[in-house]
C-alpha atoms as a PDB file:
ATOM      1  CA  MET A   1      -7.107 -21.361  -3.755  1.00  0.00           C
ATOM      2  CA  ARG A   2      -6.324 -21.811  -7.370  1.00  0.00           C
ATOM      3  CA  ASP A   3      -3.375 -24.002  -6.480  1.00  0.00           C
ATOM      4  CA  ASN A   4      -5.389 -26.133  -3.222  1.00  0.00           C
ATOM      5  CA  PRO A   5      -8.785 -27.035  -4.256  1.00  0.00           C
ATOM      6  CA  ASP A   6     -10.377 -27.413  -0.624  1.00  0.00           C
ATOM      7  CA  TYR A   7      -9.154 -23.805  -0.471  1.00  0.00           C
ATOM      8  CA  ARG A   8     -12.025 -22.913  -2.632  1.00  0.00           C
ATOM      9  CA  ASN A   9     -15.158 -23.071  -1.264  1.00  0.00           C
ATOM     10  CA  VAL A  10     -13.628 -22.344   2.686  1.00  0.00           C
ATOM     11  CA  PRO A  11     -13.044 -18.434   4.500  1.00  0.00           C
ATOM     12  CA  LEU A  12      -9.507 -18.313   3.920  1.00  0.00           C
ATOM     13  CA  ALA A  13      -6.386 -15.653   4.979  1.00  0.00           C
ATOM     14  CA  ILE A  14      -3.028 -15.259   4.161  1.00  0.00           C
ATOM     15  CA  GLY A  15      -0.631 -15.008   7.285  1.00  0.00           C
ATOM     16  CA  GLY A  16      -2.384 -14.701  11.029  1.00  0.00           C
ATOM     17  CA  SER A  17      -0.447 -17.069  13.532  1.00  0.00           C
ATOM     18  CA  THR A  18      -2.823 -17.787  15.906  1.00  0.00           C
ATOM     19  CA  ASP A  19      -0.618 -16.270  18.766  1.00  0.00           C
ATOM     20  CA  ARG A  20      -2.802 -12.994  19.831  1.00  0.00           C
ATOM     21  CA  ARG A  21      -0.092 -10.953  18.446  1.00  0.00           C
ATOM     22  CA  GLY A  22      -0.732 -12.226  14.618  1.00  0.00           C
ATOM     23  CA  VAL A  23      -2.309 -10.070  12.072  1.00  0.00           C
ATOM     24  CA  ILE A  24      -4.383 -10.877   8.743  1.00  0.00           C
ATOM     25  CA  SER A  25      -2.796  -9.828   6.026  1.00  0.00           C
ATOM     26  CA  THR A  26      -5.538 -10.470   3.642  1.00  0.00           C
ATOM     27  CA  CYS A  27      -8.630 -13.362   2.780  1.00  0.00           C
ATOM     28  CA  ASN A  28     -10.801 -14.473   0.278  1.00  0.00           C
ATOM     29  CA  TYR A  29     -14.644 -12.826  -0.322  1.00  0.00           C
ATOM     30  CA  ILE A  30     -16.135 -15.639   1.723  1.00  0.00           C
ATOM     31  CA  ALA A  31     -14.339 -14.677   4.528  1.00  0.00           C
ATOM     32  CA  ARG A  32     -14.595 -11.222   4.375  1.00  0.00           C
ATOM     33  CA  LYS A  33     -19.007 -12.039   4.131  1.00  0.00           C
ATOM     34  CA  PHE A  34     -18.082 -12.403   8.148  1.00  0.00           C
ATOM     35  CA  GLY A  35     -16.468  -9.569   8.677  1.00  0.00           C
ATOM     36  CA  VAL A  36     -12.542 -10.723   8.661  1.00  0.00           C
ATOM     37  CA  ARG A  37     -10.486  -7.777   6.477  1.00  0.00           C
ATOM     38  CA  SER A  38      -6.813  -7.102   6.074  1.00  0.00           C
ATOM     39  CA  ALA A  39      -4.962  -5.790   9.059  1.00  0.00           C
ATOM     40  CA  MET A  40      -6.702  -8.012  11.806  1.00  0.00           C
ATOM     41  CA  ALA A  41      -5.908  -9.503  14.709  1.00  0.00           C
ATOM     42  CA  THR A  42      -6.192 -12.929  13.649  1.00  0.00           C
ATOM     43  CA  SER A  43      -8.137 -13.547  17.453  1.00  0.00           C
ATOM     44  CA  HIS A  44     -10.381 -11.531  16.411  1.00  0.00           C
ATOM     45  CA  ALA A  45     -10.904 -12.722  13.095  1.00  0.00           C
ATOM     46  CA  LEU A  46     -11.139 -16.142  14.356  1.00  0.00           C
ATOM     47  CA  LYS A  47     -14.333 -15.097  16.383  1.00  0.00           C
ATOM     48  CA  LEU A  48     -15.687 -13.565  13.461  1.00  0.00           C
ATOM     49  CA  CYS A  49     -15.886 -16.715  11.968  1.00  0.00           C
ATOM     50  CA  PRO A  50     -14.770 -19.868  13.873  1.00  0.00           C
ATOM     51  CA  ASP A  51     -14.274 -21.761  10.627  1.00  0.00           C
ATOM     52  CA  LEU A  52     -11.563 -19.695   9.367  1.00  0.00           C
ATOM     53  CA  VAL A  53      -8.428 -21.816   7.864  1.00  0.00           C
ATOM     54  CA  LEU A  54      -5.185 -19.692   7.865  1.00  0.00           C
ATOM     55  CA  ALA A  55      -2.777 -20.306   5.386  1.00  0.00           C
ATOM     56  CA  PRO A  56       1.473 -18.729   5.042  1.00  0.00           C
ATOM     57  CA  SER A  57       2.173 -16.111   3.212  1.00  0.00           C
ATOM     58  CA  ARG A  58       4.457 -16.805   0.004  1.00  0.00           C
ATOM     59  CA  MET A  59       5.597 -13.768  -1.093  1.00  0.00           C
ATOM     60  CA  ASP A  60       8.547 -15.114  -3.523  1.00  0.00           C
ATOM     61  CA  LEU A  61       5.297 -16.193  -5.553  1.00  0.00           C
ATOM     62  CA  TYR A  62       3.304 -14.073  -5.487  1.00  0.00           C
ATOM     63  CA  SER A  63       6.544 -11.503  -6.598  1.00  0.00           C
ATOM     64  CA  ASP A  64       6.581 -14.150  -9.337  1.00  0.00           C
ATOM     65  CA  ILE A  65       3.113 -13.818 -10.607  1.00  0.00           C
ATOM     66  CA  SER A  66       3.248  -9.728 -10.099  1.00  0.00           C
ATOM     67  CA  GLU A  67       5.957  -9.971 -12.926  1.00  0.00           C
ATOM     68  CA  GLN A  68       3.796 -12.089 -14.844  1.00  0.00           C
ATOM     69  CA  ILE A  69       1.154 -10.395 -15.034  1.00  0.00           C
ATOM     70  CA  ARG A  70       2.722  -6.864 -15.382  1.00  0.00           C
ATOM     71  CA  GLN A  71       4.939  -8.369 -18.696  1.00  0.00           C
ATOM     72  CA  ILE A  72       0.873  -8.933 -19.706  1.00  0.00           C
ATOM     73  CA  PHE A  73       0.106  -4.665 -19.301  1.00  0.00           C
ATOM     74  CA  LEU A  74       3.055  -4.282 -21.360  1.00  0.00           C
ATOM     75  CA  ARG A  75       1.780  -6.212 -24.705  1.00  0.00           C
ATOM     76  CA  TYR A  76      -0.713  -3.235 -24.309  1.00  0.00           C
ATOM     77  CA  THR A  77       0.885  -0.122 -23.300  1.00  0.00           C
ATOM     78  CA  ASN A  78       4.271   1.208 -20.968  1.00  0.00           C
ATOM     79  CA  LYS A  79       2.774   3.495 -19.440  1.00  0.00           C
ATOM     80  CA  ILE A  80       2.104   1.400 -16.421  1.00  0.00           C
ATOM     81  CA  GLU A  81       1.928   2.641 -12.544  1.00  0.00           C
ATOM     82  CA  PRO A  82       2.234  -0.015 -10.049  1.00  0.00           C
ATOM     83  CA  LEU A  83       0.455   0.380  -6.836  1.00  0.00           C
ATOM     84  CA  SER A  84       1.165  -3.110  -5.103  1.00  0.00           C
ATOM     85  CA  LEU A  85       2.010  -6.499  -6.302  1.00  0.00           C
ATOM     86  CA  ASP A  86      -1.638  -6.557  -7.303  1.00  0.00           C
ATOM     87  CA  GLU A  87      -2.478  -3.370  -8.319  1.00  0.00           C
ATOM     88  CA  ALA A  88      -1.813  -1.135 -10.753  1.00  0.00           C
ATOM     89  CA  TYR A  89      -2.741   2.296 -13.280  1.00  0.00           C
ATOM     90  CA  LEU A  90      -2.035   1.663 -17.128  1.00  0.00           C
ATOM     91  CA  ASP A  91      -3.033   4.768 -19.602  1.00  0.00           C
ATOM     92  CA  VAL A  92      -3.809   2.824 -22.560  1.00  0.00           C
ATOM     93  CA  SER A  93      -4.308   5.999 -24.818  1.00  0.00           C
ATOM     94  CA  ASP A  94      -2.043   5.282 -27.389  1.00  0.00           C
ATOM     95  CA  CYS A  95      -2.881   2.207 -27.882  1.00  0.00           C
ATOM     96  CA  GLU A  96      -4.272   1.323 -31.365  1.00  0.00           C
ATOM     97  CA  LEU A  97      -5.661  -2.273 -30.183  1.00  0.00           C
ATOM     98  CA  PHE A  98      -9.502  -2.702 -30.792  1.00  0.00           C
ATOM     99  CA  SER A  99      -9.457   0.676 -32.462  1.00  0.00           C
ATOM    100  CA  GLY A 100      -8.053   2.263 -29.126  1.00  0.00           C
ATOM    101  CA  SER A 101     -11.017   0.928 -27.054  1.00  0.00           C
ATOM    102  CA  ALA A 102      -9.926   1.166 -23.119  1.00  0.00           C
ATOM    103  CA  THR A 103     -13.358  -1.199 -22.415  1.00  0.00           C
ATOM    104  CA  LEU A 104     -12.047  -3.575 -25.206  1.00  0.00           C
ATOM    105  CA  ILE A 105      -8.642  -3.536 -23.935  1.00  0.00           C
ATOM    106  CA  ALA A 106      -9.100  -3.858 -20.542  1.00  0.00           C
ATOM    107  CA  GLU A 107     -11.439  -7.240 -21.082  1.00  0.00           C
ATOM    108  CA  ASP A 108      -8.929  -8.414 -23.070  1.00  0.00           C
ATOM    109  CA  ILE A 109      -6.206  -7.696 -20.799  1.00  0.00           C
ATOM    110  CA  ARG A 110      -8.167  -9.673 -17.760  1.00  0.00           C
ATOM    111  CA  ARG A 111      -8.952 -12.680 -20.265  1.00  0.00           C
ATOM    112  CA  ALA A 112      -4.794 -12.751 -20.776  1.00  0.00           C
ATOM    113  CA  ILE A 113      -4.108 -12.992 -17.081  1.00  0.00           C
ATOM    114  CA  PHE A 114      -6.891 -15.519 -16.685  1.00  0.00           C
ATOM    115  CA  ALA A 115      -5.896 -17.891 -19.399  1.00  0.00           C
ATOM    116  CA  GLU A 116      -1.931 -17.581 -18.263  1.00  0.00           C
ATOM    117  CA  THR A 117      -2.190 -17.170 -14.406  1.00  0.00           C
ATOM    118  CA  GLN A 118      -6.120 -18.997 -13.700  1.00  0.00           C
ATOM    119  CA  LEU A 119      -6.385 -15.961 -11.449  1.00  0.00           C
ATOM    120  CA  THR A 120      -9.530 -13.736 -11.890  1.00  0.00           C
ATOM    121  CA  ALA A 121      -8.895  -9.328 -12.239  1.00  0.00           C
ATOM    122  CA  SER A 122     -10.584  -6.049 -11.722  1.00  0.00           C
ATOM    123  CA  ALA A 123     -10.924  -3.718 -13.625  1.00  0.00           C
ATOM    124  CA  GLY A 124     -11.669   0.006 -13.614  1.00  0.00           C
ATOM    125  CA  VAL A 125     -12.351   2.295 -16.607  1.00  0.00           C
ATOM    126  CA  ALA A 126     -12.599   6.138 -16.353  1.00  0.00           C
ATOM    127  CA  PRO A 127     -11.357   9.067 -17.878  1.00  0.00           C
ATOM    128  CA  CYS A 128      -9.093   9.963 -15.216  1.00  0.00           C
ATOM    129  CA  LYS A 129      -6.584   8.331 -12.449  1.00  0.00           C
ATOM    130  CA  PHE A 130      -8.967   8.741  -9.187  1.00  0.00           C
ATOM    131  CA  VAL A 131     -12.374   7.687 -11.060  1.00  0.00           C
ATOM    132  CA  ALA A 132     -10.585   4.476 -12.600  1.00  0.00           C
ATOM    133  CA  LYS A 133      -9.500   3.702  -8.833  1.00  0.00           C
ATOM    134  CA  ILE A 134     -12.718   3.733  -7.658  1.00  0.00           C
ATOM    135  CA  ALA A 135     -14.453   1.806  -9.998  1.00  0.00           C
ATOM    136  CA  SER A 136     -12.201  -0.679  -9.641  1.00  0.00           C
ATOM    137  CA  ASP A 137     -13.494  -1.415  -7.148  1.00  0.00           C
ATOM    138  CA  GLU A 138     -17.027  -1.179  -8.134  1.00  0.00           C
ATOM    139  CA  ASN A 139     -17.696  -4.744  -9.599  1.00  0.00           C
ATOM    140  CA  LYS A 140     -14.917  -7.458  -6.969  1.00  0.00           C
ATOM    141  CA  PRO A 141     -14.332  -9.954  -7.898  1.00  0.00           C
ATOM    142  CA  ASN A 142     -13.730 -10.541 -11.381  1.00  0.00           C
ATOM    143  CA  GLY A 143     -15.473  -7.907 -12.790  1.00  0.00           C
ATOM    144  CA  ILE A 144     -15.500  -4.691 -14.789  1.00  0.00           C
ATOM    145  CA  CYS A 145     -16.852  -1.075 -14.342  1.00  0.00           C
ATOM    146  CA  VAL A 146     -16.775   1.555 -17.580  1.00  0.00           C
ATOM    147  CA  ILE A 147     -17.080   5.139 -16.317  1.00  0.00           C
ATOM    148  CA  THR A 148     -16.881   7.462 -19.763  1.00  0.00           C
ATOM    149  CA  PRO A 149     -16.783  10.963 -20.492  1.00  0.00           C
ATOM    150  CA  GLN A 150     -20.494  11.575 -21.021  1.00  0.00           C
ATOM    151  CA  ASN A 151     -21.019   9.290 -17.657  1.00  0.00           C
ATOM    152  CA  LEU A 152     -17.946  10.615 -15.427  1.00  0.00           C
ATOM    153  CA  ASP A 153     -20.170  13.501 -13.804  1.00  0.00           C
ATOM    154  CA  GLN A 154     -23.369  11.727 -13.198  1.00  0.00           C
ATOM    155  CA  PHE A 155     -20.491   8.967 -11.444  1.00  0.00           C
ATOM    156  CA  VAL A 156     -18.662  11.452  -8.942  1.00  0.00           C
ATOM    157  CA  VAL A 157     -21.385  13.444  -7.364  1.00  0.00           C
ATOM    158  CA  GLN A 158     -23.054  10.879  -5.867  1.00  0.00           C
ATOM    159  CA  LEU A 159     -19.887   9.390  -4.436  1.00  0.00           C
ATOM    160  CA  LYS A 160     -19.359   9.382  -0.909  1.00  0.00           C
ATOM    161  CA  LEU A 161     -16.415  11.345   0.132  1.00  0.00           C
ATOM    162  CA  GLY A 162     -14.530   8.425   1.691  1.00  0.00           C
ATOM    163  CA  LYS A 163     -14.298   7.036  -1.668  1.00  0.00           C
ATOM    164  CA  ILE A 164     -12.190   9.084  -2.668  1.00  0.00           C
ATOM    165  CA  PRO A 165      -8.018   8.348  -2.505  1.00  0.00           C
ATOM    166  CA  GLY A 166      -6.486   9.632   0.109  1.00  0.00           C
ATOM    167  CA  VAL A 167      -9.562  10.976   2.231  1.00  0.00           C
ATOM    168  CA  GLY A 168      -8.891   8.365   5.344  1.00  0.00           C
ATOM    169  CA  LYS A 169     -10.797   7.956   8.633  1.00  0.00           C
ATOM    170  CA  VAL A 170      -9.533  11.229  10.289  1.00  0.00           C
ATOM    171  CA  THR A 171     -10.532  13.817   7.190  1.00  0.00           C
ATOM    172  CA  LEU A 172     -13.618  11.935   6.827  1.00  0.00           C
ATOM    173  CA  SER A 173     -14.424  12.781  10.051  1.00  0.00           C
ATOM    174  CA  LYS A 174     -13.857  16.314  10.019  1.00  0.00           C
ATOM    175  CA  LEU A 175     -15.744  16.528   6.733  1.00  0.00           C
ATOM    176  CA  ASN A 176     -18.734  14.557   7.950  1.00  0.00           C
ATOM    177  CA  ASP A 177     -18.320  17.159  10.919  1.00  0.00           C
ATOM    178  CA  MET A 178     -18.940  19.976   8.423  1.00  0.00           C
ATOM    179  CA  GLY A 179     -21.933  18.041   7.195  1.00  0.00           C
ATOM    180  CA  LEU A 180     -20.409  17.064   4.471  1.00  0.00           C
ATOM    181  CA  TYR A 181     -20.605  13.369   3.075  1.00  0.00           C
ATOM    182  CA  THR A 182     -21.086  13.010  -0.601  1.00  0.00           C
ATOM    183  CA  CYS A 183     -18.778  15.035  -3.678  1.00  0.00           C
ATOM    184  CA  ALA A 184     -22.360  16.715  -4.312  1.00  0.00           C
ATOM    185  CA  ASP A 185     -21.952  18.492  -0.521  1.00  0.00           C
ATOM    186  CA  VAL A 186     -18.640  19.585  -1.641  1.00  0.00           C
ATOM    187  CA  ARG A 187     -19.381  21.479  -4.746  1.00  0.00           C
ATOM    188  CA  ASN A 188     -21.928  23.474  -3.115  1.00  0.00           C
ATOM    189  CA  TYR A 189     -19.834  24.426   0.054  1.00  0.00           C
ATOM    190  CA  PRO A 190     -17.303  27.802   0.011  1.00  0.00           C
ATOM    191  CA  PHE A 191     -13.965  26.618  -1.451  1.00  0.00           C
ATOM    192  CA  ASP A 192     -12.121  29.143   0.777  1.00  0.00           C
ATOM    193  CA  LYS A 193     -13.605  27.547   3.736  1.00  0.00           C
ATOM    194  CA  LEU A 194     -12.390  24.243   2.680  1.00  0.00           C
ATOM    195  CA  VAL A 195      -8.761  24.914   2.059  1.00  0.00           C
ATOM    196  CA  LYS A 196      -8.484  26.981   5.482  1.00  0.00           C
ATOM    197  CA  ARG A 197      -9.682  23.393   6.741  1.00  0.00           C
ATOM    198  CA  PHE A 198      -7.627  20.913   4.917  1.00  0.00           C
ATOM    199  CA  GLY A 199      -4.828  23.392   3.469  1.00  0.00           C
ATOM    200  CA  LYS A 200      -3.000  22.156   0.359  1.00  0.00           C
ATOM    201  CA  PHE A 201      -5.467  19.073   0.443  1.00  0.00           C
ATOM    202  CA  GLY A 202      -8.336  20.912   0.314  1.00  0.00           C
ATOM    203  CA  PRO A 203      -7.919  21.553  -3.641  1.00  0.00           C
ATOM    204  CA  VAL A 204      -7.705  18.391  -4.300  1.00  0.00           C
ATOM    205  CA  ILE A 205     -10.948  17.665  -2.081  1.00  0.00           C
ATOM    206  CA  TRP A 206     -12.419  20.174  -4.414  1.00  0.00           C
ATOM    207  CA  ALA A 207     -11.316  19.065  -7.569  1.00  0.00           C
ATOM    208  CA  ARG A 208     -12.192  15.307  -7.150  1.00  0.00           C
ATOM    209  CA  SER A 209     -15.421  16.063  -5.978  1.00  0.00           C
ATOM    210  CA  HIS A 210     -16.000  18.184  -9.529  1.00  0.00           C
ATOM    211  CA  GLY A 211     -14.394  14.574 -11.476  1.00  0.00           C
ATOM    212  CA  GLU A 212     -10.914  16.499 -11.964  1.00  0.00           C
ATOM    213  CA  ASP A 213      -7.745  14.497 -11.781  1.00  0.00           C
ATOM    214  CA  ASP A 214      -5.246  16.066 -14.227  1.00  0.00           C
ATOM    215  CA  ARG A 215      -1.959  13.646 -13.060  1.00  0.00           C
ATOM    216  CA  GLY A 216       0.170  11.348 -14.643  1.00  0.00           C
ATOM    217  CA  LEU A 217       1.430   8.528 -14.209  1.00  0.00           C
ATOM    218  CA  THR A 218       4.277   7.705 -11.949  1.00  0.00           C
ATOM    219  CA  VAL A 219       5.773   4.969 -14.531  1.00  0.00           C
ATOM    220  CA  GLU A 220       9.092   5.137 -12.493  1.00  0.00           C
ATOM    221  CA  ARG A 221       8.949   4.887  -8.751  1.00  0.00           C
ATOM    222  CA  GLN A 222      12.145   5.458  -6.825  1.00  0.00           C
ATOM    223  CA  ARG A 223      11.919   3.798  -3.660  1.00  0.00           C
ATOM    224  CA  LYS A 224      12.992   5.833  -0.855  1.00  0.00           C
ATOM    225  CA  SER A 225      13.476   3.543   1.947  1.00  0.00           C
ATOM    226  CA  VAL A 226      14.292  -0.034   3.038  1.00  0.00           C
ATOM    227  CA  GLY A 227      13.340  -1.521   6.244  1.00  0.00           C
ATOM    228  CA  VAL A 228      12.068  -4.695   8.089  1.00  0.00           C
ATOM    229  CA  GLU A 229      10.002  -5.113  11.360  1.00  0.00           C
ATOM    230  CA  ARG A 230       8.943  -7.426  13.709  1.00  0.00           C
ATOM    231  CA  THR A 231       6.388  -8.219  16.032  1.00  0.00           C
ATOM    232  CA  LEU A 232       7.619 -10.392  18.702  1.00  0.00           C
ATOM    233  CA  PRO A 233       5.137 -13.457  20.549  1.00  0.00           C
ATOM    234  CA  GLN A 234       5.916 -11.731  23.948  1.00  0.00           C
ATOM    235  CA  ASP A 235       7.072  -8.163  25.130  1.00  0.00           C
ATOM    236  CA  ILE A 236      11.056  -7.509  26.149  1.00  0.00           C
ATOM    237  CA  PHE A 237      12.416  -5.554  28.104  1.00  0.00           C
ATOM    238  CA  SER A 238      16.227  -5.134  27.947  1.00  0.00           C
ATOM    239  CA  LEU A 239      19.015  -3.343  26.231  1.00  0.00           C
ATOM    240  CA  SER A 240      20.349  -7.120  25.281  1.00  0.00           C
ATOM    241  CA  ASP A 241      16.966  -8.492  24.618  1.00  0.00           C
ATOM    242  CA  CYS A 242      16.456  -5.727  21.906  1.00  0.00           C
ATOM    243  CA  ARG A 243      20.252  -6.057  20.336  1.00  0.00           C
ATOM    244  CA  GLN A 244      19.195  -9.731  19.808  1.00  0.00           C
ATOM    245  CA  MET A 245      16.982  -8.369  18.232  1.00  0.00           C
ATOM    246  CA  VAL A 246      18.389  -6.122  16.037  1.00  0.00           C
ATOM    247  CA  ASP A 247      21.181  -8.458  15.559  1.00  0.00           C
ATOM    248  CA  ASN A 248      18.338 -10.822  13.690  1.00  0.00           C
ATOM    249  CA  LEU A 249      16.384  -8.891  11.526  1.00  0.00           C
ATOM    250  CA  TYR A 250      19.779  -7.174  10.542  1.00  0.00           C
ATOM    251  CA  PRO A 251      20.955  -9.432   7.641  1.00  0.00           C
ATOM    252  CA  LYS A 252      17.681  -9.783   6.092  1.00  0.00           C
ATOM    253  CA  LEU A 253      17.860  -5.582   5.555  1.00  0.00           C
ATOM    254  CA  GLN A 254      20.885  -6.465   3.993  1.00  0.00           C
ATOM    255  CA  GLU A 255      19.037  -9.038   1.543  1.00  0.00           C
ATOM    256  CA  ARG A 256      16.167  -6.510   1.092  1.00  0.00           C
ATOM    257  CA  LEU A 257      18.353  -3.604   0.430  1.00  0.00           C
ATOM    258  CA  LYS A 258      20.450  -5.686  -1.648  1.00  0.00           C
ATOM    259  CA  LYS A 259      17.585  -7.077  -3.960  1.00  0.00           C
ATOM    260  CA  SER A 260      15.301  -3.729  -4.144  1.00  0.00           C
ATOM    261  CA  SER A 261      18.231  -0.677  -4.271  1.00  0.00           C
ATOM    262  CA  PRO A 262      21.545  -1.968  -4.604  1.00  0.00           C
ATOM    263  CA  ASN A 263      23.006   1.172  -6.764  1.00  0.00           C
ATOM    264  CA  LEU A 264      21.539   3.714  -4.593  1.00  0.00           C
ATOM    265  CA  ALA A 265      23.112   5.255  -1.709  1.00  0.00           C
ATOM    266  CA  ILE A 266      22.207   5.315   1.919  1.00  0.00           C
ATOM    267  CA  GLN A 267      21.516   8.802   2.960  1.00  0.00           C
ATOM    268  CA  SER A 268      20.144   7.633   7.330  1.00  0.00           C
ATOM    269  CA  GLN A 269      19.437   5.155   9.327  1.00  0.00           C
ATOM    270  CA  GLY A 270      17.031   4.174  11.765  1.00  0.00           C
ATOM    271  CA  ILE A 271      15.201   2.117  14.139  1.00  0.00           C
ATOM    272  CA  LYS A 272      11.521   1.750  15.523  1.00  0.00           C
ATOM    273  CA  LEU A 273      10.279   0.585  18.961  1.00  0.00           C
ATOM    274  CA  LYS A 274       6.928  -0.143  19.840  1.00  0.00           C
ATOM    275  CA  PHE A 275       5.680  -0.791  23.047  1.00  0.00           C
ATOM    276  CA  SER A 276       2.928  -2.666  25.444  1.00  0.00           C
ATOM    277  CA  ASP A 277       0.916   0.609  25.156  1.00  0.00           C
ATOM    278  CA  PHE A 278       1.122   0.846  21.651  1.00  0.00           C
ATOM    279  CA  GLN A 279       2.807   3.761  21.152  1.00  0.00           C
ATOM    280  CA  GLN A 280       6.051   3.740  19.518  1.00  0.00           C
ATOM    281  CA  THR A 281       9.063   5.661  18.634  1.00  0.00           C
ATOM    282  CA  THR A 282      11.495   5.815  15.514  1.00  0.00           C
ATOM    283  CA  VAL A 283      15.123   7.216  16.136  1.00  0.00           C
ATOM    284  CA  GLU A 284      16.821   8.337  12.647  1.00  0.00           C
ATOM    285  CA  HIS A 285      19.955   9.980  12.364  1.00  0.00           C
ATOM    286  CA  LYS A 286      22.235  10.890   9.153  1.00  0.00           C
ATOM    287  CA  PHE A 287      24.796   8.237   8.475  1.00  0.00           C
ATOM    288  CA  GLN A 288      25.521   7.329   4.737  1.00  0.00           C
ATOM    289  CA  LYS A 289      27.128   3.841   5.273  1.00  0.00           C
ATOM    290  CA  LEU A 290      25.079   0.456   6.869  1.00  0.00           C
ATOM    291  CA  ASN A 291      26.558  -0.116  10.013  1.00  0.00           C
ATOM    292  CA  LYS A 292      24.841  -2.826  12.297  1.00  0.00           C
ATOM    293  CA  ASP A 293      26.902  -0.697  15.535  1.00  0.00           C
ATOM    294  CA  TYR A 294      25.314   2.199  14.470  1.00  0.00           C
ATOM    295  CA  PHE A 295      22.029   0.896  15.180  1.00  0.00           C
ATOM    296  CA  PHE A 296      23.032   0.502  18.424  1.00  0.00           C
ATOM    297  CA  GLU A 297      23.293   3.060  19.086  1.00  0.00           C
ATOM    298  CA  LEU A 298      19.728   4.406  17.722  1.00  0.00           C
ATOM    299  CA  LEU A 299      18.381   1.413  19.896  1.00  0.00           C
ATOM    300  CA  THR A 300      20.398   2.873  23.260  1.00  0.00           C
ATOM    301  CA  GLU A 301      18.893   6.745  21.745  1.00  0.00           C
ATOM    302  CA  GLY A 302      15.106   4.722  21.881  1.00  0.00           C
ATOM    303  CA  LEU A 303      15.304   2.877  24.646  1.00  0.00           C
ATOM    304  CA  ALA A 304      15.745   6.480  26.391  1.00  0.00           C
ATOM    305  CA  ARG A 305      12.111   6.822  25.822  1.00  0.00           C
ATOM    306  CA  GLN A 306      10.670   2.913  27.584  1.00  0.00           C
ATOM    307  CA  ALA A 307       9.704   3.945  30.807  1.00  0.00           C
ATOM    308  CA  ASN A 308       9.341   0.766  32.096  1.00  0.00           C
ATOM    309  CA  ARG A 309       7.161  -0.296  28.860  1.00  0.00           C
ATOM    310  CA  GLY A 310       7.890  -3.078  27.400  1.00  0.00           C
ATOM    311  CA  ILE A 311       8.787  -3.618  23.701  1.00  0.00           C
ATOM    312  CA  ARG A 312       6.411  -5.603  21.140  1.00  0.00           C
ATOM    313  CA  LEU A 313       8.079  -4.225  18.076  1.00  0.00           C
ATOM    314  CA  VAL A 314      11.412  -3.918  16.841  1.00  0.00           C
ATOM    315  CA  GLY A 315      11.939  -3.114  13.265  1.00  0.00           C
ATOM    316  CA  LEU A 316      15.292  -0.998  11.267  1.00  0.00           C
ATOM    317  CA  HIS A 317      15.207   0.603   8.224  1.00  0.00           C
ATOM    318  CA  VAL A 318      17.665   3.123   6.104  1.00  0.00           C
ATOM    319  CA  GLY A 319      16.434   6.385   3.929  1.00  0.00           C
ATOM    320  CA  LEU A 320      18.266   6.264   0.654  1.00  0.00           C
ATOM    321  CA  ILE A 321      19.218   9.234  -1.773  1.00  0.00           C
ATOM    322  CA  ASP A 322      17.314  10.128  -4.422  1.00  0.00           C
ATOM    323  CA  ARG A 323      18.752   9.664  -7.876  1.00  0.00           C
ATOM    324  CA  GLN A 324      17.713  13.117  -9.329  1.00  0.00           C
ATOM    325  CA  THR A 325      19.364  14.584  -5.494  1.00  0.00           C
ATOM    326  CA  GLN A 326      22.294  11.878  -6.194  1.00  0.00           C
ATOM    327  CA  LYS A 327      22.987  13.104  -9.625  1.00  0.00           C
ATOM    328  CA  GLN A 328      22.869  16.922  -8.560  1.00  0.00           C
ATOM    329  CA  LEU A 329      25.702  15.801  -5.969  1.00  0.00           C
ATOM    330  CA  THR A 330      27.613  14.241  -8.692  1.00  0.00           C
ATOM    331  CA  LEU A 331      27.647  16.986 -11.278  1.00  0.00           C
ATOM    332  CA  ALA A 332      28.677  19.479  -8.412  1.00  0.00           C
ATOM    333  CA  PHE A 333      31.632  17.051  -6.976  1.00  0.00           C
ATOM    334  CA  SER A 334      32.495  17.026 -11.202  1.00  0.00           C
ATOM    335  CA  GLU A 335      32.057  20.652 -11.610  1.00  0.00           C
END
């Protein structure tokens, strides 16, 4: 929309080829008014919005802009936890600009982003991570929501539990079955019963419902795996067709691995198959050197579970050894 004026006042979606396998990557707010959402089948999106315009993804551009915005963030703090290309947590506790006002800092960041990229940004300002995350969605697009320590409890107590990060559809359904719909409901529910039902996540739900979140920012997040997959326009059935898909995907996997984790050691290789009934299977084994022939072996093992079903998706991935484990192994060897 920024780069093409023709897109600015029409329902627009990114990705989503028109074949029956196409899926929408994201869409603008005009399209969302029709019910179009990310991860929706293109065919369904076009039923909801027949005038929907489809534009191709430009991931290289998105990555460049994301880095440009990160450089803006760094003017205010180096405590940055990225969540995706277009979202991040910032801890501005030590920032001395604007007399330390987080609200004024957030507004200045939004101004800088627009001045330098011509893109709008929304912000949530709060004393803790999960509330800041929720607040950032409150006044989209191009808005800000500030939750001060004084009104934190008032904001949290009325929250619907589905807004808490980590509470997905399955967990929310279980909570609703227990008669729990808001944080106020959880506060009045026995803590021990919550833990019994949800295990380790029970105390998290309890804490969030009381406005508590003492997590700091993870400023350095290590990638645990690198992968590439492709949904096929038509189902394939044979071993030779699947081997051809491995041949096609392997160079892309090499490229992604080199770009994202050139110095990290591989600890496993895996292959994913999704069948025509949408059931999927993954085969992964320890293998410490990237090897296409080993993917063929994994493929044969995966196809043993095919049961005459067609294959609609093939994926390759490698698991990576984390830095701490790699360091420990190196030290042990050195000693």
